[in-house]
């Protein structure tokens, strides 16, 4: 894959787009958050809304 054609998702916590990474190759379908920080803060964010 070229860098131009990498899949992109939207992080539900920070609302930023993030791009596929090699380390997520096996479980890209289950990746929801762009970073560990967003993953940890997901519950805090959900309580606010």
Protein backbone atom coordinates (compact mmCIF):
# COMPACT_ATOMS: atom_id res chain seq x y z
CA UNK A 1 0.00 0.00 0.00
CA UNK A 2 1.16 3.48 -0.69
CA UNK A 3 0.78 6.10 2.01
CA UNK A 4 -1.87 7.88 -0.04
CA UNK A 5 -4.13 4.82 -0.03
CA UNK A 6 -4.04 3.85 3.64
CA UNK A 7 -7.40 3.37 5.39
CA UNK A 8 -8.54 6.10 7.77
CA UNK A 9 -10.84 6.08 10.81
CA UNK A 10 -12.26 8.73 13.10
CA UNK A 11 -11.42 8.61 16.80
CA UNK A 12 -14.63 8.89 18.88
CA UNK A 13 -12.83 10.68 21.73
CA UNK A 14 -10.76 13.41 20.08
CA UNK A 15 -12.67 13.37 16.75
CA UNK A 16 -9.46 13.30 14.73
CA UNK A 17 -8.77 11.08 11.78
CA UNK A 18 -6.09 8.47 12.20
CA UNK A 19 -4.43 6.30 9.59
CA UNK A 20 -3.78 2.60 9.45
CA UNK A 21 -0.50 1.46 11.01
CA UNK A 22 1.50 -1.67 10.43
CA UNK A 23 1.16 -2.70 14.10
CA UNK A 24 -2.66 -2.69 13.67
CA UNK A 25 -2.50 -4.91 10.60
CA UNK A 26 -4.14 -7.95 12.21
CA UNK A 27 -6.86 -6.16 14.15
CA UNK A 28 -7.59 -2.98 12.19
CA UNK A 29 -11.32 -3.77 12.29
CA UNK A 30 -11.33 -3.63 16.09
CA UNK A 31 -9.17 -0.49 16.46
CA UNK A 32 -11.36 2.37 17.68
CA UNK A 33 -9.03 4.92 19.24
CA UNK A 34 -6.10 6.82 17.77
CA UNK A 35 -3.93 6.54 20.85
CA UNK A 36 -3.56 5.02 24.27
CA UNK A 37 -4.46 8.39 25.77
CA UNK A 38 -7.81 8.44 23.97
CA UNK A 39 -8.49 4.84 24.89
CA UNK A 40 -7.90 5.61 28.58
CA UNK A 41 -10.00 8.77 28.53
CA UNK A 42 -12.97 7.18 26.74
CA UNK A 43 -14.96 6.61 29.91
CA UNK A 44 -14.36 10.15 31.16
CA UNK A 45 -15.47 11.56 27.84
CA UNK A 46 -18.61 9.43 27.77
CA UNK A 47 -19.68 10.54 31.25
CA UNK A 48 -19.48 14.19 30.24
CA UNK A 49 -21.81 13.72 27.28
